[in-house]
Structure formats: C-alpha cells, structure tokens
Amino acid sequence: QAVSQHLRVLQEAGLISRGRAAQRRPSRLVGAPLRGAAEWLD
C-alpha cells in the first residue's frame, strides 16, 4: 500500500504510466519530465 502511494505521486508528476494487462497493472517509466528537469539543471 505504501508503494502504491509512492506510485500515485510518481504518476501525478507524469514520471510513470500505469497500464493494465489481464490481472497485472504494470508501471513504466516516462522520460519527458526527467528530460525537462535535466535541461533545467543543465
């Protein structure tokens, strides 16, 4: 449940997406927000 809460924060920030494959709900990384942060830091 705690990991699910962390995933919710990551999803709201656009850093991950969550899908549905049968009974599975896999999460995957979304790179665009990280690229934006890297460009800002650069």
PDB file of all heavy atoms in Angstrom:
ATOM      1  N   GLN A   1       0.833  -1.206   0.000  1.00  0.00           N
ATOM      2  CA  GLN A   1       0.000   0.000   0.000  1.00  0.00           C
ATOM      3  C   GLN A   1       0.873   1.265   0.000  1.00  0.00           C
ATOM      4  O   GLN A   1       0.552   2.242  -0.679  1.00  0.00           O
ATOM      5  CB  GLN A   1      -0.950   0.022   1.205  1.00  0.00           C
ATOM      6  CG  GLN A   1      -2.042  -1.015   1.136  1.00  0.00           C
ATOM      7  CD  GLN A   1      -1.570  -2.418   1.550  1.00  0.00           C
ATOM      8  OE1 GLN A   1      -0.472  -2.601   2.071  1.00  0.00           O
ATOM      9  NE2 GLN A   1      -2.403  -3.413   1.290  1.00  0.00           N
ATOM     10  N   ALA A   2       1.963   1.242   0.757  1.00  0.00           N
ATOM     11  CA  ALA A   2       2.866   2.400   0.778  1.00  0.00           C
ATOM     12  C   ALA A   2       3.518   2.594  -0.584  1.00  0.00           C
ATOM     13  O   ALA A   2       3.666   3.730  -1.058  1.00  0.00           O
ATOM     14  CB  ALA A   2       3.922   2.228   1.863  1.00  0.00           C
ATOM     15  N   VAL A   3       3.900   1.494  -1.219  1.00  0.00           N
ATOM     16  CA  VAL A   3       4.482   1.589  -2.565  1.00  0.00           C
ATOM     17  C   VAL A   3       3.437   2.143  -3.533  1.00  0.00           C
ATOM     18  O   VAL A   3       3.749   2.981  -4.384  1.00  0.00           O
ATOM     19  CB  VAL A   3       5.041   0.230  -3.037  1.00  0.00           C
ATOM     20  CG1 VAL A   3       5.427   0.274  -4.508  1.00  0.00           C
ATOM     21  CG2 VAL A   3       6.241  -0.166  -2.188  1.00  0.00           C
ATOM     22  N   SER A   4       2.192   1.724  -3.383  1.00  0.00           N
ATOM     23  CA  SER A   4       1.111   2.250  -4.227  1.00  0.00           C
ATOM     24  C   SER A   4       0.973   3.758  -4.072  1.00  0.00           C
ATOM     25  O   SER A   4       0.727   4.471  -5.047  1.00  0.00           O
ATOM     26  CB  SER A   4      -0.219   1.573  -3.884  1.00  0.00           C
ATOM     27  OG  SER A   4      -0.199   0.238  -4.288  1.00  0.00           O
ATOM     28  N   GLN A   5       1.126   4.247  -2.855  1.00  0.00           N
ATOM     29  CA  GLN A   5       1.061   5.697  -2.631  1.00  0.00           C
ATOM     30  C   GLN A   5       2.215   6.412  -3.334  1.00  0.00           C
ATOM     31  O   GLN A   5       2.028   7.472  -3.930  1.00  0.00           O
ATOM     32  CB  GLN A   5       1.066   6.009  -1.143  1.00  0.00           C
ATOM     33  CG  GLN A   5      -0.223   5.597  -0.450  1.00  0.00           C
ATOM     34  CD  GLN A   5      -0.167   5.794   1.051  1.00  0.00           C
ATOM     35  OE1 GLN A   5       0.892   5.930   1.653  1.00  0.00           O
ATOM     36  NE2 GLN A   5      -1.334   5.804   1.681  1.00  0.00           N
ATOM     37  N   HIS A   6       3.410   5.822  -3.261  1.00  0.00           N
ATOM     38  CA  HIS A   6       4.554   6.399  -3.971  1.00  0.00           C
ATOM     39  C   HIS A   6       4.294   6.406  -5.485  1.00  0.00           C
ATOM     40  O   HIS A   6       4.614   7.383  -6.170  1.00  0.00           O
ATOM     41  CB  HIS A   6       5.836   5.623  -3.672  1.00  0.00           C
ATOM     42  CG  HIS A   6       6.405   5.896  -2.315  1.00  0.00           C
ATOM     43  ND1 HIS A   6       6.872   7.133  -1.937  1.00  0.00           N
ATOM     44  CD2 HIS A   6       6.595   5.090  -1.247  1.00  0.00           C
ATOM     45  CE1 HIS A   6       7.327   7.079  -0.692  1.00  0.00           C
ATOM     46  NE2 HIS A   6       7.162   5.843  -0.249  1.00  0.00           N
ATOM     47  N   LEU A   7       3.719   5.330  -5.983  1.00  0.00           N
ATOM     48  CA  LEU A   7       3.410   5.261  -7.413  1.00  0.00           C
ATOM     49  C   LEU A   7       2.388   6.319  -7.804  1.00  0.00           C
ATOM     50  O   LEU A   7       2.483   6.907  -8.890  1.00  0.00           O
ATOM     51  CB  LEU A   7       2.901   3.865  -7.779  1.00  0.00           C
ATOM     52  CG  LEU A   7       3.936   2.748  -7.708  1.00  0.00           C
ATOM     53  CD1 LEU A   7       3.275   1.402  -7.962  1.00  0.00           C
ATOM     54  CD2 LEU A   7       5.082   2.985  -8.670  1.00  0.00           C
ATOM     55  N   ARG A   8       1.440   6.593  -6.939  1.00  0.00           N
ATOM     56  CA  ARG A   8       0.447   7.632  -7.223  1.00  0.00           C
ATOM     57  C   ARG A   8       1.124   8.993  -7.380  1.00  0.00           C
ATOM     58  O   ARG A   8       0.816   9.764  -8.291  1.00  0.00           O
ATOM     59  CB  ARG A   8      -0.608   7.676  -6.114  1.00  0.00           C
ATOM     60  CG  ARG A   8      -1.793   8.547  -6.457  1.00  0.00           C
ATOM     61  CD  ARG A   8      -2.924   8.480  -5.438  1.00  0.00           C
ATOM     62  NE  ARG A   8      -3.296   7.104  -5.116  1.00  0.00           N
ATOM     63  CZ  ARG A   8      -3.155   6.556  -3.897  1.00  0.00           C
ATOM     64  NH1 ARG A   8      -2.684   7.262  -2.902  1.00  0.00           N
ATOM     65  NH2 ARG A   8      -3.522   5.310  -3.681  1.00  0.00           N
ATOM     66  N   VAL A   9       2.072   9.294  -6.481  1.00  0.00           N
ATOM     67  CA  VAL A   9       2.802  10.565  -6.569  1.00  0.00           C
ATOM     68  C   VAL A   9       3.594  10.622  -7.876  1.00  0.00           C
ATOM     69  O   VAL A   9       3.593  11.642  -8.568  1.00  0.00           O
ATOM     70  CB  VAL A   9       3.747  10.743  -5.353  1.00  0.00           C
ATOM     71  CG1 VAL A   9       4.660  11.947  -5.532  1.00  0.00           C
ATOM     72  CG2 VAL A   9       2.936  10.872  -4.074  1.00  0.00           C
ATOM     73  N   LEU A  10       4.266   9.528  -8.210  1.00  0.00           N
ATOM     74  CA  LEU A  10       5.053   9.486  -9.452  1.00  0.00           C
ATOM     75  C   LEU A  10       4.157   9.641 -10.673  1.00  0.00           C
ATOM     76  O   LEU A  10       4.516  10.325 -11.640  1.00  0.00           O
ATOM     77  CB  LEU A  10       5.854   8.185  -9.529  1.00  0.00           C
ATOM     78  CG  LEU A  10       6.983   8.047  -8.506  1.00  0.00           C
ATOM     79  CD1 LEU A  10       7.521   6.621  -8.489  1.00  0.00           C
ATOM     80  CD2 LEU A  10       8.098   9.042  -8.788  1.00  0.00           C
ATOM     81  N   GLN A  11       2.981   9.032 -10.626  1.00  0.00           N
ATOM     82  CA  GLN A  11       2.053   9.132 -11.748  1.00  0.00           C
ATOM     83  C   GLN A  11       1.501  10.556 -11.869  1.00  0.00           C
ATOM     84  O   GLN A  11       1.404  11.093 -12.970  1.00  0.00           O
ATOM     85  CB  GLN A  11       0.914   8.132 -11.575  1.00  0.00           C
ATOM     86  CG  GLN A  11       0.003   8.031 -12.783  1.00  0.00           C
ATOM     87  CD  GLN A  11      -1.003   6.910 -12.658  1.00  0.00           C
ATOM     88  OE1 GLN A  11      -1.233   6.371 -11.583  1.00  0.00           O
ATOM     89  NE2 GLN A  11      -1.622   6.551 -13.761  1.00  0.00           N
ATOM     90  N   GLU A  12       1.170  11.179 -10.753  1.00  0.00           N
ATOM     91  CA  GLU A  12       0.655  12.554 -10.781  1.00  0.00           C
ATOM     92  C   GLU A  12       1.710  13.525 -11.308  1.00  0.00           C
ATOM     93  O   GLU A  12       1.379  14.529 -11.923  1.00  0.00           O
ATOM     94  CB  GLU A  12       0.177  12.971  -9.397  1.00  0.00           C
ATOM     95  CG  GLU A  12      -1.107  12.275  -8.979  1.00  0.00           C
ATOM     96  CD  GLU A  12      -1.491  12.524  -7.529  1.00  0.00           C
ATOM     97  OE1 GLU A  12      -0.779  13.265  -6.821  1.00  0.00           O
ATOM     98  OE2 GLU A  12      -2.518  11.959  -7.102  1.00  0.00           O
ATOM     99  N   ALA A  13       2.986  13.204 -11.085  1.00  0.00           N
ATOM    100  CA  ALA A  13       4.075  14.037 -11.598  1.00  0.00           C
ATOM    101  C   ALA A  13       4.382  13.719 -13.058  1.00  0.00           C
ATOM    102  O   ALA A  13       5.216  14.391 -13.667  1.00  0.00           O
ATOM    103  CB  ALA A  13       5.331  13.843 -10.745  1.00  0.00           C
ATOM    104  N   GLY A  14       3.730  12.695 -13.608  1.00  0.00           N
ATOM    105  CA  GLY A  14       3.956  12.323 -15.004  1.00  0.00           C
ATOM    106  C   GLY A  14       5.205  11.491 -15.223  1.00  0.00           C
ATOM    107  O   GLY A  14       5.619  11.289 -16.359  1.00  0.00           O
ATOM    108  N   LEU A  15       5.824  11.015 -14.137  1.00  0.00           N
ATOM    109  CA  LEU A  15       7.070  10.262 -14.247  1.00  0.00           C
ATOM    110  C   LEU A  15       6.862   8.791 -14.580  1.00  0.00           C
ATOM    111  O   LEU A  15       7.785   8.122 -15.025  1.00  0.00           O
ATOM    112  CB  LEU A  15       7.875  10.385 -12.948  1.00  0.00           C
ATOM    113  CG  LEU A  15       8.410  11.787 -12.681  1.00  0.00           C
ATOM    114  CD1 LEU A  15       8.855  11.919 -11.238  1.00  0.00           C
ATOM    115  CD2 LEU A  15       9.534  12.101 -13.639  1.00  0.00           C
ATOM    116  N   ILE A  16       5.656   8.280 -14.330  1.00  0.00           N
ATOM    117  CA  ILE A  16       5.344   6.904 -14.690  1.00  0.00           C
ATOM    118  C   ILE A  16       3.957   6.856 -15.316  1.00  0.00           C
ATOM    119  O   ILE A  16       3.153   7.777 -15.143  1.00  0.00           O
ATOM    120  CB  ILE A  16       5.385   5.927 -13.486  1.00  0.00           C
ATOM    121  CG1 ILE A  16       4.274   6.230 -12.485  1.00  0.00           C
ATOM    122  CG2 ILE A  16       6.754   5.922 -12.825  1.00  0.00           C
ATOM    123  CD1 ILE A  16       4.027   5.134 -11.467  1.00  0.00           C
ATOM    124  N   SER A  17       3.711   5.782 -16.042  1.00  0.00           N
ATOM    125  CA  SER A  17       2.364   5.490 -16.512  1.00  0.00           C
ATOM    126  C   SER A  17       2.020   4.097 -16.019  1.00  0.00           C
ATOM    127  O   SER A  17       2.906   3.280 -15.752  1.00  0.00           O
ATOM    128  CB  SER A  17       2.281   5.566 -18.040  1.00  0.00           C
ATOM    129  OG  SER A  17       3.073   4.548 -18.627  1.00  0.00           O
ATOM    130  N   ARG A  18       0.742   3.853 -15.856  1.00  0.00           N
ATOM    131  CA  ARG A  18       0.298   2.548 -15.367  1.00  0.00           C
ATOM    132  C   ARG A  18      -0.664   1.970 -16.385  1.00  0.00           C
ATOM    133  O   ARG A  18      -1.556   2.652 -16.863  1.00  0.00           O
ATOM    134  CB  ARG A  18      -0.366   2.697 -14.005  1.00  0.00           C
ATOM    135  CG  ARG A  18       0.656   3.292 -13.017  1.00  0.00           C
ATOM    136  CD  ARG A  18       0.199   3.319 -11.631  1.00  0.00           C
ATOM    137  NE  ARG A  18       0.202   1.957 -11.101  1.00  0.00           N
ATOM    138  CZ  ARG A  18      -0.336   1.638  -9.950  1.00  0.00           C
ATOM    139  NH1 ARG A  18      -0.932   2.557  -9.228  1.00  0.00           N
ATOM    140  NH2 ARG A  18      -0.292   0.410  -9.508  1.00  0.00           N
ATOM    141  N   GLY A  19      -0.430   0.725 -16.700  1.00  0.00           N
ATOM    142  CA  GLY A  19      -1.271   0.052 -17.681  1.00  0.00           C
ATOM    143  C   GLY A  19      -2.075  -1.054 -17.048  1.00  0.00           C
ATOM    144  O   GLY A  19      -2.121  -1.200 -15.838  1.00  0.00           O
ATOM    145  N   ARG A  20      -2.702  -1.827 -17.907  1.00  0.00           N
ATOM    146  CA  ARG A  20      -3.455  -2.981 -17.438  1.00  0.00           C
ATOM    147  C   ARG A  20      -3.257  -4.074 -18.471  1.00  0.00           C
ATOM    148  O   ARG A  20      -3.534  -3.900 -19.646  1.00  0.00           O
ATOM    149  CB  ARG A  20      -4.930  -2.651 -17.296  1.00  0.00           C
ATOM    150  CG  ARG A  20      -5.718  -3.799 -16.699  1.00  0.00           C
ATOM    151  CD  ARG A  20      -7.166  -3.459 -16.440  1.00  0.00           C
ATOM    152  NE  ARG A  20      -7.391  -2.387 -15.489  1.00  0.00           N
ATOM    153  CZ  ARG A  20      -7.381  -2.519 -14.165  1.00  0.00           C
ATOM    154  NH1 ARG A  20      -7.112  -3.682 -13.627  1.00  0.00           N
ATOM    155  NH2 ARG A  20      -7.639  -1.503 -13.382  1.00  0.00           N
ATOM    156  N   ALA A  21      -2.728  -5.198 -17.999  1.00  0.00           N
ATOM    157  CA  ALA A  21      -2.541  -6.379 -18.844  1.00  0.00           C
ATOM    158  C   ALA A  21      -3.114  -7.563 -18.079  1.00  0.00           C
ATOM    159  O   ALA A  21      -2.474  -8.072 -17.161  1.00  0.00           O
ATOM    160  CB  ALA A  21      -1.058  -6.583 -19.153  1.00  0.00           C
ATOM    161  N   ALA A  22      -4.334  -7.948 -18.434  1.00  0.00           N
ATOM    162  CA  ALA A  22      -5.063  -9.004 -17.712  1.00  0.00           C
ATOM    163  C   ALA A  22      -5.195  -8.587 -16.253  1.00  0.00           C
ATOM    164  O   ALA A  22      -5.727  -7.536 -15.955  1.00  0.00           O
ATOM    165  CB  ALA A  22      -4.382 -10.347 -17.879  1.00  0.00           C
ATOM    166  N   GLN A  23      -4.658  -9.374 -15.321  1.00  0.00           N
ATOM    167  CA  GLN A  23      -4.729  -9.051 -13.901  1.00  0.00           C
ATOM    168  C   GLN A  23      -3.593  -8.134 -13.459  1.00  0.00           C
ATOM    169  O   GLN A  23      -3.600  -7.644 -12.340  1.00  0.00           O
ATOM    170  CB  GLN A  23      -4.690 -10.342 -13.059  1.00  0.00           C
ATOM    171  CG  GLN A  23      -5.841 -11.279 -13.342  1.00  0.00           C
ATOM    172  CD  GLN A  23      -7.157 -10.736 -12.794  1.00  0.00           C
ATOM    173  OE1 GLN A  23      -7.378  -9.543 -12.697  1.00  0.00           O
ATOM    174  NE2 GLN A  23      -8.051 -11.654 -12.457  1.00  0.00           N
ATOM    175  N   ARG A  24      -2.632  -7.947 -14.295  1.00  0.00           N
ATOM    176  CA  ARG A  24      -1.465  -7.121 -13.947  1.00  0.00           C
ATOM    177  C   ARG A  24      -1.732  -5.652 -14.221  1.00  0.00           C
ATOM    178  O   ARG A  24      -2.453  -5.312 -15.138  1.00  0.00           O
ATOM    179  CB  ARG A  24      -0.250  -7.561 -14.775  1.00  0.00           C
ATOM    180  CG  ARG A  24       0.195  -8.960 -14.508  1.00  0.00           C
ATOM    181  CD  ARG A  24       1.421  -9.253 -15.309  1.00  0.00           C
ATOM    182  NE  ARG A  24       2.296  -8.090 -15.145  1.00  0.00           N
ATOM    183  CZ  ARG A  24       3.559  -8.045 -15.488  1.00  0.00           C
ATOM    184  NH1 ARG A  24       4.106  -9.050 -16.039  1.00  0.00           N
ATOM    185  NH2 ARG A  24       4.284  -6.975 -15.299  1.00  0.00           N
ATOM    186  N   ARG A  25      -1.127  -4.805 -13.394  1.00  0.00           N
ATOM    187  CA  ARG A  25      -1.140  -3.352 -13.633  1.00  0.00           C
ATOM    188  C   ARG A  25       0.305  -2.878 -13.616  1.00  0.00           C
ATOM    189  O   ARG A  25       0.756  -2.306 -12.629  1.00  0.00           O
ATOM    190  CB  ARG A  25      -1.946  -2.637 -12.554  1.00  0.00           C
ATOM    191  CG  ARG A  25      -3.427  -2.682 -12.819  1.00  0.00           C
ATOM    192  CD  ARG A  25      -4.158  -1.691 -11.967  1.00  0.00           C
ATOM    193  NE  ARG A  25      -3.528  -0.372 -11.967  1.00  0.00           N
ATOM    194  CZ  ARG A  25      -4.103   0.751 -12.361  1.00  0.00           C
ATOM    195  NH1 ARG A  25      -5.327   0.730 -12.769  1.00  0.00           N
ATOM    196  NH2 ARG A  25      -3.467   1.881 -12.310  1.00  0.00           N
ATOM    197  N   PRO A  26       1.031  -3.133 -14.691  1.00  0.00           N
ATOM    198  CA  PRO A  26       2.441  -2.751 -14.698  1.00  0.00           C
ATOM    199  C   PRO A  26       2.627  -1.227 -14.773  1.00  0.00           C
ATOM    200  O   PRO A  26       1.830  -0.518 -15.381  1.00  0.00           O
ATOM    201  CB  PRO A  26       2.992  -3.427 -15.943  1.00  0.00           C
ATOM    202  CG  PRO A  26       1.811  -3.590 -16.844  1.00  0.00           C
ATOM    203  CD  PRO A  26       0.622  -3.766 -15.936  1.00  0.00           C
ATOM    204  N   SER A  27       3.681  -0.757 -14.118  1.00  0.00           N
ATOM    205  CA  SER A  27       4.070   0.650 -14.187  1.00  0.00           C
ATOM    206  C   SER A  27       5.276   0.746 -15.100  1.00  0.00           C
ATOM    207  O   SER A  27       6.107  -0.160 -15.150  1.00  0.00           O
ATOM    208  CB  SER A  27       4.446   1.168 -12.798  1.00  0.00           C
ATOM    209  OG  SER A  27       3.330   1.122 -11.946  1.00  0.00           O
ATOM    210  N   ARG A  28       5.371   1.846 -15.825  1.00  0.00           N
ATOM    211  CA  ARG A  28       6.542   2.069 -16.677  1.00  0.00           C
ATOM    212  C   ARG A  28       7.009   3.512 -16.559  1.00  0.00           C
ATOM    213  O   ARG A  28       6.222   4.408 -16.291  1.00  0.00           O
ATOM    214  CB  ARG A  28       6.309   1.693 -18.120  1.00  0.00           C
ATOM    215  CG  ARG A  28       5.006   1.888 -18.701  1.00  0.00           C
ATOM    216  CD  ARG A  28       4.829   1.319 -20.109  1.00  0.00           C
ATOM    217  NE  ARG A  28       4.194   0.043 -20.233  1.00  0.00           N
ATOM    218  CZ  ARG A  28       2.948  -0.227 -19.901  1.00  0.00           C
ATOM    219  NH1 ARG A  28       2.189   0.694 -19.405  1.00  0.00           N
ATOM    220  NH2 ARG A  28       2.452  -1.413 -20.061  1.00  0.00           N
ATOM    221  N   LEU A  29       8.285   3.686 -16.748  1.00  0.00           N
ATOM    222  CA  LEU A  29       8.915   4.999 -16.659  1.00  0.00           C
ATOM    223  C   LEU A  29       8.513   5.864 -17.843  1.00  0.00           C
ATOM    224  O   LEU A  29       8.425   5.379 -18.972  1.00  0.00           O
ATOM    225  CB  LEU A  29      10.440   4.807 -16.629  1.00  0.00           C
ATOM    226  CG  LEU A  29      11.315   6.024 -16.437  1.00  0.00           C
ATOM    227  CD1 LEU A  29      11.057   6.662 -15.084  1.00  0.00           C
ATOM    228  CD2 LEU A  29      12.773   5.619 -16.538  1.00  0.00           C
ATOM    229  N   VAL A  30       8.287   7.154 -17.586  1.00  0.00           N
ATOM    230  CA  VAL A  30       8.027   8.147 -18.633  1.00  0.00           C
ATOM    231  C   VAL A  30       9.172   9.151 -18.560  1.00  0.00           C
ATOM    232  O   VAL A  30       9.381   9.770 -17.514  1.00  0.00           O
ATOM    233  CB  VAL A  30       6.660   8.850 -18.418  1.00  0.00           C
ATOM    234  CG1 VAL A  30       6.458   9.941 -19.445  1.00  0.00           C
ATOM    235  CG2 VAL A  30       5.535   7.836 -18.465  1.00  0.00           C
ATOM    236  N   GLY A  31       9.897   9.307 -19.640  1.00  0.00           N
ATOM    237  CA  GLY A  31      11.122  10.101 -19.605  1.00  0.00           C
ATOM    238  C   GLY A  31      10.987  11.602 -19.757  1.00  0.00           C
ATOM    239  O   GLY A  31      11.871  12.346 -19.337  1.00  0.00           O
ATOM    240  N   ALA A  32       9.902  12.085 -20.337  1.00  0.00           N
ATOM    241  CA  ALA A  32       9.809  13.517 -20.651  1.00  0.00           C
ATOM    242  C   ALA A  32       9.999  14.432 -19.439  1.00  0.00           C
ATOM    243  O   ALA A  32      10.765  15.402 -19.530  1.00  0.00           O
ATOM    244  CB  ALA A  32       8.490  13.818 -21.350  1.00  0.00           C
ATOM    245  N   PRO A  33       9.347  14.175 -18.299  1.00  0.00           N
ATOM    246  CA  PRO A  33       9.571  15.074 -17.160  1.00  0.00           C
ATOM    247  C   PRO A  33      11.015  15.037 -16.658  1.00  0.00           C
ATOM    248  O   PRO A  33      11.547  16.059 -16.219  1.00  0.00           O
ATOM    249  CB  PRO A  33       8.615  14.550 -16.084  1.00  0.00           C
ATOM    250  CG  PRO A  33       7.564  13.816 -16.837  1.00  0.00           C
ATOM    251  CD  PRO A  33       8.276  13.221 -18.015  1.00  0.00           C
ATOM    252  N   LEU A  34      11.652  13.885 -16.740  1.00  0.00           N
ATOM    253  CA  LEU A  34      13.063  13.801 -16.335  1.00  0.00           C
ATOM    254  C   LEU A  34      13.944  14.605 -17.286  1.00  0.00           C
ATOM    255  O   LEU A  34      14.889  15.256 -16.856  1.00  0.00           O
ATOM    256  CB  LEU A  34      13.522  12.340 -16.287  1.00  0.00           C
ATOM    257  CG  LEU A  34      12.894  11.494 -15.187  1.00  0.00           C
ATOM    258  CD1 LEU A  34      13.289  10.031 -15.346  1.00  0.00           C
ATOM    259  CD2 LEU A  34      13.293  12.008 -13.819  1.00  0.00           C
ATOM    260  N   ARG A  35      13.613  14.572 -18.568  1.00  0.00           N
ATOM    261  CA  ARG A  35      14.374  15.363 -19.540  1.00  0.00           C
ATOM    262  C   ARG A  35      14.221  16.848 -19.220  1.00  0.00           C
ATOM    263  O   ARG A  35      15.194  17.606 -19.250  1.00  0.00           O
ATOM    264  CB  ARG A  35      13.904  15.058 -20.961  1.00  0.00           C
ATOM    265  CG  ARG A  35      14.671  15.839 -22.014  1.00  0.00           C
ATOM    266  CD  ARG A  35      14.313  15.503 -23.462  1.00  0.00           C
ATOM    267  NE  ARG A  35      12.906  15.319 -23.692  1.00  0.00           N
ATOM    268  CZ  ARG A  35      12.323  14.139 -23.997  1.00  0.00           C
ATOM    269  NH1 ARG A  35      13.071  13.063 -24.127  1.00  0.00           N
ATOM    270  NH2 ARG A  35      11.034  14.053 -24.180  1.00  0.00           N
ATOM    271  N   GLY A  36      13.002  17.276 -18.883  1.00  0.00           N
ATOM    272  CA  GLY A  36      12.783  18.675 -18.525  1.00  0.00           C
ATOM    273  C   GLY A  36      13.598  19.084 -17.316  1.00  0.00           C
ATOM    274  O   GLY A  36      14.190  20.173 -17.285  1.00  0.00           O
ATOM    275  N   ALA A  37      13.665  18.212 -16.298  1.00  0.00           N
ATOM    276  CA  ALA A  37      14.461  18.506 -15.101  1.00  0.00           C
ATOM    277  C   ALA A  37      15.941  18.555 -15.441  1.00  0.00           C
ATOM    278  O   ALA A  37      16.671  19.443 -14.969  1.00  0.00           O
ATOM    279  CB  ALA A  37      14.202  17.457 -14.017  1.00  0.00           C
ATOM    280  N   ALA A  38      16.400  17.626 -16.278  1.00  0.00           N
ATOM    281  CA  ALA A  38      17.816  17.599 -16.667  1.00  0.00           C
ATOM    282  C   ALA A  38      18.183  18.860 -17.454  1.00  0.00           C
ATOM    283  O   ALA A  38      19.260  19.429 -17.247  1.00  0.00           O
ATOM    284  CB  ALA A  38      18.117  16.343 -17.490  1.00  0.00           C
ATOM    285  N   GLU A  39      17.291  19.291 -18.328  1.00  0.00           N
ATOM    286  CA  GLU A  39      17.554  20.512 -19.105  1.00  0.00           C
ATOM    287  C   GLU A  39      17.616  21.727 -18.185  1.00  0.00           C
ATOM    288  O   GLU A  39      18.459  22.610 -18.361  1.00  0.00           O
ATOM    289  CB  GLU A  39      16.495  20.692 -20.186  1.00  0.00           C
ATOM    290  CG  GLU A  39      16.633  19.692 -21.309  1.00  0.00           C
ATOM    291  CD  GLU A  39      15.460  19.708 -22.279  1.00  0.00           C
ATOM    292  OE1 GLU A  39      14.473  20.466 -22.050  1.00  0.00           O
ATOM    293  OE2 GLU A  39      15.518  18.948 -23.262  1.00  0.00           O
ATOM    294  N   TRP A  40      16.730  21.788 -17.200  1.00  0.00           N
ATOM    295  CA  TRP A  40      16.745  22.907 -16.262  1.00  0.00           C
ATOM    296  C   TRP A  40      18.058  22.907 -15.477  1.00  0.00           C
ATOM    297  O   TRP A  40      18.692  23.958 -15.315  1.00  0.00           O
ATOM    298  CB  TRP A  40      15.554  22.813 -15.321  1.00  0.00           C
ATOM    299  CG  TRP A  40      15.452  23.981 -14.390  1.00  0.00           C
ATOM    300  CD1 TRP A  40      14.885  25.186 -14.646  1.00  0.00           C
ATOM    301  CD2 TRP A  40      15.954  24.044 -13.055  1.00  0.00           C
ATOM    302  NE1 TRP A  40      14.996  26.002 -13.541  1.00  0.00           N
ATOM    303  CE2 TRP A  40      15.659  25.322 -12.550  1.00  0.00           C
ATOM    304  CE3 TRP A  40      16.627  23.143 -12.242  1.00  0.00           C
ATOM    305  CZ2 TRP A  40      16.005  25.724 -11.278  1.00  0.00           C
ATOM    306  CZ3 TRP A  40      16.969  23.538 -10.963  1.00  0.00           C
ATOM    307  CH2 TRP A  40      16.653  24.817 -10.491  1.00  0.00           C
ATOM    308  N   LEU A  41      18.456  21.751 -14.973  1.00  0.00           N
ATOM    309  CA  LEU A  41      19.714  21.646 -14.225  1.00  0.00           C
ATOM    310  C   LEU A  41      20.914  21.968 -15.098  1.00  0.00           C
ATOM    311  O   LEU A  41      21.886  22.565 -14.629  1.00  0.00           O
ATOM    312  CB  LEU A  41      19.865  20.240 -13.635  1.00  0.00           C
ATOM    313  CG  LEU A  41      18.946  19.913 -12.472  1.00  0.00           C
ATOM    314  CD1 LEU A  41      18.985  18.422 -12.175  1.00  0.00           C
ATOM    315  CD2 LEU A  41      19.324  20.715 -11.244  1.00  0.00           C
ATOM    316  N   ASP A  42      20.848  21.581 -16.360  1.00  0.00           N
ATOM    317  CA  ASP A  42      21.963  21.826 -17.277  1.00  0.00           C
ATOM    318  C   ASP A  42      22.235  23.325 -17.436  1.00  0.00           C
ATOM    319  O   ASP A  42      23.366  23.732 -17.698  1.00  0.00           O
ATOM    320  CB  ASP A  42      21.668  21.193 -18.635  1.00  0.00           C
ATOM    321  CG  ASP A  42      22.926  20.988 -19.453  1.00  0.00           C
ATOM    322  OD1 ASP A  42      23.934  20.522 -18.875  1.00  0.00           O
ATOM    323  OD2 ASP A  42      22.899  21.293 -20.658  1.00  0.00           O
TER     324      ASP A  42
END
